[in-house]
Amino acid sequence: MALDVLPRPDWASTTSVAIPRDLTRDPVAWAQAIFDNRTMPSWVKALFVVRECVVRPLRITPGDSSMLAVDRVVGDEAVIDTDDVHLHFVAGVRADARFVHVTTVVAFKGWRGRLYFVPVRLLHDAVTRAMITRAARALRNGRDGQI
């Protein structure tokens, strides 16, 4: 779905992580768990703090939780769609019988978006993988497959 929203991205990536078979397949539950500040690893939270310091001089909108909220569900995929001043970011979250897949597509808007994305490009897979892994732990420990 992410590629349907942004069919010609400047950058795209899919991160897939194996999950236990007994966890929920609900894409909204997964998206909420992955992007929930309570389940993020400490080092990822620290990177978001660094982000907030770096974006101010670039006049990029400060981040908030609504930027990572599920906008809609299409079929078996939760879609997060954030169109900001420096880039358009879309993430699709889908769980199947063995894996959770997060597909991220980005379209840059001018030099700010390109500059902003230089470090993001380097860290994206490690951050996304850590967030999915931590979300799986939270869902496993939660009641009825929910956090």
N, C-alpha and C. Protein backbone atom coordinates (compact mmCIF):
# COMPACT_ATOMS: atom_id res chain seq x y z
N MET A 1 0.82 -1.20 0.00
CA MET A 1 0.00 0.00 0.00
C MET A 1 0.85 1.25 0.00
N ALA A 2 1.97 1.23 0.72
CA ALA A 2 2.81 2.43 0.81
C ALA A 2 3.22 2.90 -0.57
N LEU A 3 3.52 1.97 -1.46
CA LEU A 3 3.91 2.34 -2.82
C LEU A 3 2.73 2.80 -3.66
N ASP A 4 1.52 2.44 -3.27
CA ASP A 4 0.34 2.98 -3.94
C ASP A 4 0.15 4.45 -3.58
N VAL A 5 0.46 4.79 -2.33
CA VAL A 5 0.33 6.18 -1.89
C VAL A 5 1.43 7.05 -2.51
N LEU A 6 2.65 6.54 -2.51
CA LEU A 6 3.80 7.25 -3.10
C LEU A 6 4.43 6.35 -4.16
N PRO A 7 3.89 6.33 -5.37
CA PRO A 7 4.38 5.39 -6.38
C PRO A 7 5.78 5.68 -6.93
N ARG A 8 6.27 6.90 -6.76
CA ARG A 8 7.61 7.26 -7.25
C ARG A 8 8.44 7.88 -6.11
N PRO A 9 8.77 7.06 -5.11
CA PRO A 9 9.52 7.60 -3.98
C PRO A 9 10.98 7.88 -4.33
N ASP A 10 11.59 8.76 -3.56
CA ASP A 10 13.02 8.99 -3.67
C ASP A 10 13.80 7.90 -2.93
N TRP A 11 13.14 7.26 -1.99
CA TRP A 11 13.77 6.22 -1.18
C TRP A 11 12.70 5.25 -0.71
N ALA A 12 13.03 3.96 -0.68
CA ALA A 12 12.09 2.94 -0.21
C ALA A 12 12.85 1.80 0.44
N SER A 13 12.20 1.19 1.42
CA SER A 13 12.82 0.07 2.12
C SER A 13 11.72 -0.78 2.76
N THR A 14 11.95 -2.07 2.82
CA THR A 14 11.08 -2.96 3.58
C THR A 14 11.93 -3.71 4.59
N THR A 15 11.50 -3.67 5.84
CA THR A 15 12.16 -4.40 6.91
C THR A 15 11.19 -5.49 7.37
N SER A 16 11.65 -6.71 7.37
CA SER A 16 10.83 -7.85 7.80
C SER A 16 11.52 -8.54 8.96
N VAL A 17 10.72 -8.87 9.97
CA VAL A 17 11.24 -9.54 11.16
C VAL A 17 10.37 -10.75 11.46
N ALA A 18 11.01 -11.90 11.69
CA ALA A 18 10.27 -13.12 12.05
C ALA A 18 9.62 -12.94 13.41
N ILE A 19 8.39 -13.45 13.52
CA ILE A 19 7.64 -13.32 14.77
C ILE A 19 7.07 -14.68 15.17
N PRO A 20 6.77 -14.86 16.47
CA PRO A 20 6.12 -16.10 16.90
C PRO A 20 4.75 -16.25 16.24
N ARG A 21 4.39 -17.46 15.92
CA ARG A 21 3.13 -17.73 15.22
C ARG A 21 1.88 -17.37 16.02
N ASP A 22 2.01 -17.29 17.35
CA ASP A 22 0.83 -17.05 18.18
C ASP A 22 0.50 -15.58 18.37
N LEU A 23 1.28 -14.67 17.79
CA LEU A 23 0.98 -13.24 17.94
C LEU A 23 -0.08 -12.79 16.96
N THR A 24 -0.74 -11.71 17.30
CA THR A 24 -1.79 -11.14 16.46
C THR A 24 -1.30 -10.84 15.06
N ARG A 25 -2.20 -10.85 14.11
CA ARG A 25 -1.91 -10.46 12.73
C ARG A 25 -2.56 -9.11 12.43
N ASP A 26 -3.16 -8.51 13.43
CA ASP A 26 -3.86 -7.23 13.26
C ASP A 26 -2.85 -6.13 12.92
N PRO A 27 -2.95 -5.53 11.72
CA PRO A 27 -1.96 -4.54 11.31
C PRO A 27 -2.00 -3.27 12.16
N VAL A 28 -3.16 -2.91 12.67
CA VAL A 28 -3.26 -1.71 13.52
C VAL A 28 -2.56 -1.97 14.85
N ALA A 29 -2.78 -3.14 15.43
CA ALA A 29 -2.11 -3.47 16.69
C ALA A 29 -0.59 -3.44 16.50
N TRP A 30 -0.11 -3.98 15.39
CA TRP A 30 1.32 -3.96 15.13
C TRP A 30 1.83 -2.55 14.92
N ALA A 31 1.15 -1.76 14.10
CA ALA A 31 1.61 -0.39 13.85
C ALA A 31 1.64 0.42 15.14
N GLN A 32 0.60 0.28 15.95
CA GLN A 32 0.56 1.01 17.22
C GLN A 32 1.69 0.58 18.13
N ALA A 33 1.95 -0.72 18.20
CA ALA A 33 3.02 -1.22 19.06
C ALA A 33 4.40 -0.79 18.55
N ILE A 34 4.59 -0.83 17.24
CA ILE A 34 5.89 -0.46 16.67
C ILE A 34 6.21 1.00 16.92
N PHE A 35 5.22 1.87 16.74
CA PHE A 35 5.46 3.31 16.82
C PHE A 35 5.07 3.92 18.17
N ASP A 36 4.80 3.07 19.16
CA ASP A 36 4.45 3.54 20.50
C ASP A 36 5.73 3.89 21.27
N ASN A 37 5.78 5.09 21.80
CA ASN A 37 6.95 5.54 22.55
C ASN A 37 7.26 4.63 23.74
N ARG A 38 6.24 3.99 24.30
CA ARG A 38 6.44 3.11 25.45
C ARG A 38 7.18 1.83 25.09
N THR A 39 7.13 1.42 23.82
CA THR A 39 7.78 0.17 23.43
C THR A 39 9.11 0.39 22.71
N MET A 40 9.44 1.62 22.40
CA MET A 40 10.69 1.88 21.67
C MET A 40 11.90 1.63 22.55
N PRO A 41 12.94 1.05 21.96
CA PRO A 41 14.20 0.89 22.71
C PRO A 41 14.75 2.26 23.13
N SER A 42 15.44 2.30 24.25
CA SER A 42 15.97 3.57 24.77
C SER A 42 16.86 4.29 23.77
N TRP A 43 17.68 3.54 23.04
CA TRP A 43 18.59 4.18 22.10
C TRP A 43 17.83 4.81 20.93
N VAL A 44 16.67 4.24 20.57
CA VAL A 44 15.83 4.83 19.52
C VAL A 44 15.19 6.11 20.04
N LYS A 45 14.72 6.07 21.28
CA LYS A 45 14.17 7.30 21.88
C LYS A 45 15.22 8.40 21.90
N ALA A 46 16.45 8.03 22.21
CA ALA A 46 17.54 9.02 22.23
C ALA A 46 17.75 9.62 20.84
N LEU A 47 17.64 8.80 19.81
CA LEU A 47 17.78 9.33 18.44
C LEU A 47 16.67 10.32 18.12
N PHE A 48 15.46 10.07 18.61
CA PHE A 48 14.36 11.01 18.39
C PHE A 48 14.63 12.34 19.12
N VAL A 49 15.27 12.28 20.28
CA VAL A 49 15.65 13.52 20.98
C VAL A 49 16.68 14.28 20.16
N VAL A 50 17.65 13.57 19.63
CA VAL A 50 18.66 14.20 18.76
C VAL A 50 17.97 14.82 17.54
N ARG A 51 17.01 14.11 16.97
CA ARG A 51 16.27 14.63 15.83
C ARG A 51 15.67 15.99 16.14
N GLU A 52 15.05 16.09 17.31
CA GLU A 52 14.40 17.35 17.67
C GLU A 52 15.39 18.51 17.75
N CYS A 53 16.60 18.25 18.20
CA CYS A 53 17.63 19.30 18.27
C CYS A 53 18.13 19.69 16.89
N VAL A 54 18.25 18.71 16.01
CA VAL A 54 18.80 18.96 14.68
C VAL A 54 17.80 19.67 13.76
N VAL A 55 16.52 19.38 13.90
CA VAL A 55 15.55 19.94 12.95
C VAL A 55 15.25 21.42 13.17
N ARG A 56 15.46 21.91 14.34
CA ARG A 56 15.16 23.33 14.60
C ARG A 56 15.89 24.29 13.68
N PRO A 57 17.21 24.16 13.54
CA PRO A 57 17.90 25.09 12.63
C PRO A 57 17.48 24.94 11.17
N LEU A 58 16.98 23.76 10.81
CA LEU A 58 16.53 23.52 9.44
C LEU A 58 15.08 23.96 9.21
N ARG A 59 14.46 24.45 10.27
CA ARG A 59 13.05 24.87 10.24
C ARG A 59 12.13 23.73 9.77
N ILE A 60 12.39 22.55 10.32
CA ILE A 60 11.55 21.39 10.07
C ILE A 60 10.63 21.22 11.27
N THR A 61 9.40 20.84 10.98
CA THR A 61 8.38 20.68 12.01
C THR A 61 8.84 19.72 13.10
N PRO A 62 8.73 20.12 14.37
CA PRO A 62 9.04 19.18 15.45
C PRO A 62 8.14 17.95 15.36
N GLY A 63 8.66 16.82 15.76
CA GLY A 63 7.89 15.58 15.70
C GLY A 63 6.87 15.49 16.82
N ASP A 64 5.79 14.79 16.55
CA ASP A 64 4.82 14.45 17.59
C ASP A 64 4.20 13.11 17.25
N SER A 65 3.52 12.52 18.21
CA SER A 65 3.01 11.16 18.03
C SER A 65 2.00 11.05 16.90
N SER A 66 1.32 12.12 16.55
CA SER A 66 0.33 12.04 15.47
C SER A 66 0.99 11.77 14.11
N MET A 67 2.28 12.10 14.00
CA MET A 67 2.99 11.85 12.74
C MET A 67 3.16 10.36 12.47
N LEU A 68 3.06 9.54 13.50
CA LEU A 68 3.27 8.10 13.37
C LEU A 68 2.00 7.31 13.68
N ALA A 69 0.86 7.99 13.62
CA ALA A 69 -0.42 7.33 13.90
C ALA A 69 -0.96 6.69 12.62
N VAL A 70 -1.71 5.61 12.78
CA VAL A 70 -2.33 4.93 11.65
C VAL A 70 -3.40 5.84 11.06
N ASP A 71 -3.30 6.07 9.75
CA ASP A 71 -4.28 6.89 9.04
C ASP A 71 -5.45 6.06 8.52
N ARG A 72 -5.13 4.85 8.05
CA ARG A 72 -6.18 4.00 7.49
C ARG A 72 -5.64 2.57 7.39
N VAL A 73 -6.57 1.66 7.16
CA VAL A 73 -6.23 0.26 6.93
C VAL A 73 -6.78 -0.11 5.56
N VAL A 74 -5.94 -0.70 4.75
CA VAL A 74 -6.36 -1.16 3.43
C VAL A 74 -6.02 -2.64 3.37
N GLY A 75 -7.04 -3.46 3.31
CA GLY A 75 -6.83 -4.90 3.32
C GLY A 75 -6.18 -5.32 4.63
N ASP A 76 -5.00 -5.92 4.54
CA ASP A 76 -4.30 -6.40 5.73
C ASP A 76 -3.12 -5.50 6.09
N GLU A 77 -3.17 -4.22 5.68
CA GLU A 77 -2.05 -3.32 5.90
C GLU A 77 -2.51 -2.01 6.55
N ALA A 78 -1.84 -1.65 7.64
CA ALA A 78 -2.07 -0.35 8.28
C ALA A 78 -1.15 0.67 7.59
N VAL A 79 -1.71 1.83 7.28
CA VAL A 79 -0.95 2.85 6.56
C VAL A 79 -0.78 4.09 7.43
N ILE A 80 0.47 4.52 7.54
CA ILE A 80 0.82 5.76 8.22
C ILE A 80 1.29 6.71 7.12
N ASP A 81 0.64 7.85 7.02
CA ASP A 81 0.90 8.77 5.90
C ASP A 81 1.11 10.17 6.47
N THR A 82 2.36 10.64 6.44
CA THR A 82 2.70 11.95 6.98
C THR A 82 3.34 12.80 5.89
N ASP A 83 2.65 13.84 5.51
CA ASP A 83 3.14 14.76 4.48
C ASP A 83 3.59 16.03 5.19
N ASP A 84 4.90 16.19 5.35
CA ASP A 84 5.47 17.29 6.11
C ASP A 84 6.16 18.28 5.18
N VAL A 85 6.70 19.34 5.74
CA VAL A 85 7.31 20.39 4.92
C VAL A 85 8.58 19.92 4.22
N HIS A 86 9.30 18.97 4.80
CA HIS A 86 10.58 18.55 4.24
C HIS A 86 10.53 17.22 3.49
N LEU A 87 9.52 16.39 3.80
CA LEU A 87 9.37 15.14 3.07
C LEU A 87 7.97 14.57 3.27
N HIS A 88 7.62 13.65 2.39
CA HIS A 88 6.38 12.89 2.52
C HIS A 88 6.80 11.47 2.87
N PHE A 89 6.33 11.00 4.01
CA PHE A 89 6.71 9.70 4.57
C PHE A 89 5.47 8.81 4.63
N VAL A 90 5.57 7.61 4.11
CA VAL A 90 4.48 6.65 4.20
C VAL A 90 5.07 5.33 4.68
N ALA A 91 4.40 4.73 5.66
CA ALA A 91 4.80 3.40 6.13
C ALA A 91 3.59 2.48 6.04
N GLY A 92 3.83 1.29 5.56
CA GLY A 92 2.81 0.25 5.55
C GLY A 92 3.24 -0.85 6.49
N VAL A 93 2.35 -1.27 7.38
CA VAL A 93 2.67 -2.32 8.36
C VAL A 93 1.72 -3.50 8.11
N ARG A 94 2.32 -4.67 7.94
CA ARG A 94 1.55 -5.86 7.64
C ARG A 94 2.17 -7.05 8.36
N ALA A 95 1.33 -7.92 8.90
CA ALA A 95 1.80 -9.15 9.56
C ALA A 95 1.21 -10.35 8.84
N ASP A 96 2.05 -11.33 8.58
CA ASP A 96 1.55 -12.58 8.02
C ASP A 96 1.83 -13.70 9.03
N ALA A 97 1.76 -14.92 8.61
CA ALA A 97 1.91 -16.04 9.55
C ALA A 97 3.29 -16.13 10.17
N ARG A 98 4.32 -15.56 9.52
CA ARG A 98 5.68 -15.71 10.03
C ARG A 98 6.44 -14.41 10.25
N PHE A 99 6.01 -13.33 9.61
CA PHE A 99 6.78 -12.10 9.65
C PHE A 99 5.91 -10.87 9.84
N VAL A 100 6.53 -9.82 10.37
CA VAL A 100 5.95 -8.48 10.30
C VAL A 100 6.80 -7.72 9.30
N HIS A 101 6.13 -7.02 8.40
CA HIS A 101 6.79 -6.26 7.35
C HIS A 101 6.45 -4.78 7.52
N VAL A 102 7.46 -3.95 7.52
CA VAL A 102 7.25 -2.50 7.52
C VAL A 102 7.90 -1.97 6.25
N THR A 103 7.06 -1.45 5.36
CA THR A 103 7.55 -0.84 4.13
C THR A 103 7.49 0.67 4.31
N THR A 104 8.62 1.30 4.07
CA THR A 104 8.73 2.75 4.21
C THR A 104 9.08 3.35 2.86
N VAL A 105 8.34 4.38 2.46
CA VAL A 105 8.66 5.11 1.24
C VAL A 105 8.70 6.59 1.58
N VAL A 106 9.63 7.30 0.92
CA VAL A 106 9.85 8.71 1.23
C VAL A 106 10.04 9.49 -0.06
N ALA A 107 9.38 10.63 -0.14
CA ALA A 107 9.62 11.59 -1.22
C ALA A 107 10.17 12.86 -0.58
N PHE A 108 11.32 13.31 -1.06
CA PHE A 108 11.96 14.50 -0.50
C PHE A 108 11.30 15.76 -1.04
N LYS A 109 11.31 16.78 -0.20
CA LYS A 109 10.82 18.10 -0.60
C LYS A 109 11.97 19.09 -0.41
N GLY A 110 12.75 19.26 -1.44
CA GLY A 110 13.83 20.23 -1.40
C GLY A 110 15.05 19.76 -0.62
N TRP A 111 15.96 20.69 -0.43
CA TRP A 111 17.25 20.38 0.19
C TRP A 111 17.12 19.98 1.65
N ARG A 112 16.13 20.52 2.35
CA ARG A 112 15.97 20.16 3.77
C ARG A 112 15.65 18.67 3.93
N GLY A 113 14.77 18.18 3.08
CA GLY A 113 14.42 16.76 3.15
C GLY A 113 15.60 15.86 2.82
N ARG A 114 16.35 16.25 1.80
CA ARG A 114 17.53 15.44 1.42
C ARG A 114 18.57 15.45 2.52
N LEU A 115 18.84 16.61 3.10
CA LEU A 115 19.82 16.72 4.18
C LEU A 115 19.36 15.96 5.42
N TYR A 116 18.11 16.14 5.79
CA TYR A 116 17.53 15.45 6.94
C TYR A 116 17.68 13.93 6.80
N PHE A 117 17.49 13.44 5.57
CA PHE A 117 17.43 12.00 5.37
C PHE A 117 18.79 11.32 5.30
N VAL A 118 19.88 12.07 5.22
CA VAL A 118 21.21 11.45 5.15
C VAL A 118 21.46 10.53 6.34
N PRO A 119 21.33 10.99 7.58
CA PRO A 119 21.55 10.05 8.70
C PRO A 119 20.41 9.03 8.84
N VAL A 120 19.20 9.42 8.48
CA VAL A 120 18.07 8.50 8.58
C VAL A 120 18.31 7.28 7.69
N ARG A 121 18.80 7.53 6.49
CA ARG A 121 19.07 6.46 5.53
C ARG A 121 20.03 5.42 6.12
N LEU A 122 21.02 5.89 6.86
CA LEU A 122 22.02 5.00 7.43
C LEU A 122 21.48 4.16 8.59
N LEU A 123 20.56 4.74 9.35
CA LEU A 123 20.08 4.10 10.58
C LEU A 123 18.72 3.42 10.44
N HIS A 124 18.03 3.67 9.34
CA HIS A 124 16.63 3.26 9.21
C HIS A 124 16.40 1.78 9.48
N ASP A 125 17.13 0.90 8.83
CA ASP A 125 16.86 -0.53 8.99
C ASP A 125 17.10 -0.98 10.43
N ALA A 126 18.19 -0.55 11.04
CA ALA A 126 18.48 -0.95 12.42
C ALA A 126 17.41 -0.43 13.38
N VAL A 127 16.98 0.80 13.18
CA VAL A 127 15.94 1.39 14.03
C VAL A 127 14.62 0.65 13.85
N THR A 128 14.22 0.44 12.60
CA THR A 128 12.95 -0.24 12.33
C THR A 128 12.96 -1.67 12.86
N ARG A 129 14.05 -2.37 12.65
CA ARG A 129 14.18 -3.75 13.14
C ARG A 129 14.07 -3.79 14.67
N ALA A 130 14.73 -2.87 15.35
CA ALA A 130 14.67 -2.82 16.81
C ALA A 130 13.27 -2.48 17.29
N MET A 131 12.59 -1.58 16.59
CA MET A 131 11.23 -1.21 16.98
C MET A 131 10.26 -2.38 16.79
N ILE A 132 10.41 -3.12 15.70
CA ILE A 132 9.54 -4.29 15.47
C ILE A 132 9.80 -5.35 16.53
N THR A 133 11.05 -5.62 16.83
CA THR A 133 11.41 -6.62 17.82
C THR A 133 10.84 -6.26 19.19
N ARG A 134 10.98 -5.00 19.58
CA ARG A 134 10.45 -4.56 20.87
C ARG A 134 8.92 -4.61 20.87
N ALA A 135 8.29 -4.28 19.75
CA ALA A 135 6.82 -4.35 19.65
C ALA A 135 6.35 -5.80 19.80
N ALA A 136 7.08 -6.74 19.21
CA ALA A 136 6.71 -8.16 19.35
C ALA A 136 6.75 -8.58 20.82
N ARG A 137 7.77 -8.12 21.53
CA ARG A 137 7.87 -8.44 22.96
C ARG A 137 6.69 -7.84 23.72
N ALA A 138 6.34 -6.60 23.40
CA ALA A 138 5.22 -5.94 24.08
C ALA A 138 3.90 -6.65 23.77
N LEU A 139 3.70 -7.04 22.52
CA LEU A 139 2.46 -7.75 22.17
C LEU A 139 2.42 -9.13 22.81
N ARG A 140 3.55 -9.80 22.89
CA ARG A 140 3.60 -11.12 23.52
C ARG A 140 3.27 -11.03 25.00
N ASN A 141 3.73 -9.96 25.66
CA ASN A 141 3.49 -9.79 27.09
C ASN A 141 2.15 -9.15 27.40
N GLY A 142 1.50 -8.60 26.39
CA GLY A 142 0.20 -7.95 26.59
C GLY A 142 -0.92 -8.95 26.67
N ARG A 143 -2.06 -8.47 27.05
CA ARG A 143 -3.24 -9.32 27.18
C ARG A 143 -3.96 -9.41 25.84
N ASP A 144 -4.34 -10.60 25.43
CA ASP A 144 -5.10 -10.85 24.18
C ASP A 144 -4.40 -10.29 22.95
N GLY A 145 -3.06 -10.34 22.96
CA GLY A 145 -2.32 -9.90 21.79
C GLY A 145 -2.23 -8.40 21.63
N GLN A 146 -2.70 -7.65 22.60
CA GLN A 146 -2.64 -6.18 22.55
C GLN A 146 -1.69 -5.68 23.62
N ILE A 147 -1.23 -4.45 23.46
CA ILE A 147 -0.34 -3.87 24.48
C ILE A 147 -1.12 -3.64 25.74
